Amino acid sequence: MAWFFATFQKELSSAALSIVVAIVLFIFRSRAKILWSSPHSFNFLIKNTDTEVLPTLLVHTASVFILNAGRIPATDVEIMFNFKPENFNIWPVRSYDTIVNPDGRFTIKLPNIAPKNHFRLSFFRFQNCRM
C-alpha cells in the first residue's frame, strides 16, 4: 500500500488540493441573502365625540423593511400574507405583481432585488369599534 502512495503522490496531492479549493469556493460563493425586520407597528384608538355619525375607529399601522444583503441579485422574490391587506404601499416605488392563491393567501411577487438594495412595505388598516 505504501508503494501506491509513493507512486501516485503528485496525483493524490493534486486531487486533495482541488477538493479543498472546491469546498472553500462553495462555502464562500456569492449568493443572495434576504433580511427583513418589522421596525414599526402600532394601534391607534381614535375616539369621536359624535358617535352617531362616525363610531370610534381602531387604526393599525405597520411596516416591514426588506433588504438583499447578498452579493448577487435575488430573483423571483415572493412575500406571502395570510390575507390581503386593505391598504399597502411599497417604497421606493418598484414593479410588483399581486397573486391570490387558491387557499386565499395573498402574495406580492417582485422580479428581483439588487444587491445591497432595500425597500419598505407599509400597511394601514382601520375598523369601526362600538364603545
Foldseek 3Di string as FASTA:
>chain_A
DVVVCVVCVVVVVVVVVVVVVVVVCVVPPFDWDKDKDKPDKDWDWAQDPPCVVAHIKIKIKTKMKIWTQTQAKDAFDKDKAQADAPDKDKPPDDDWDWDQDPVGIIIITDGIAGHGGMMMMMGMDMDGDHD
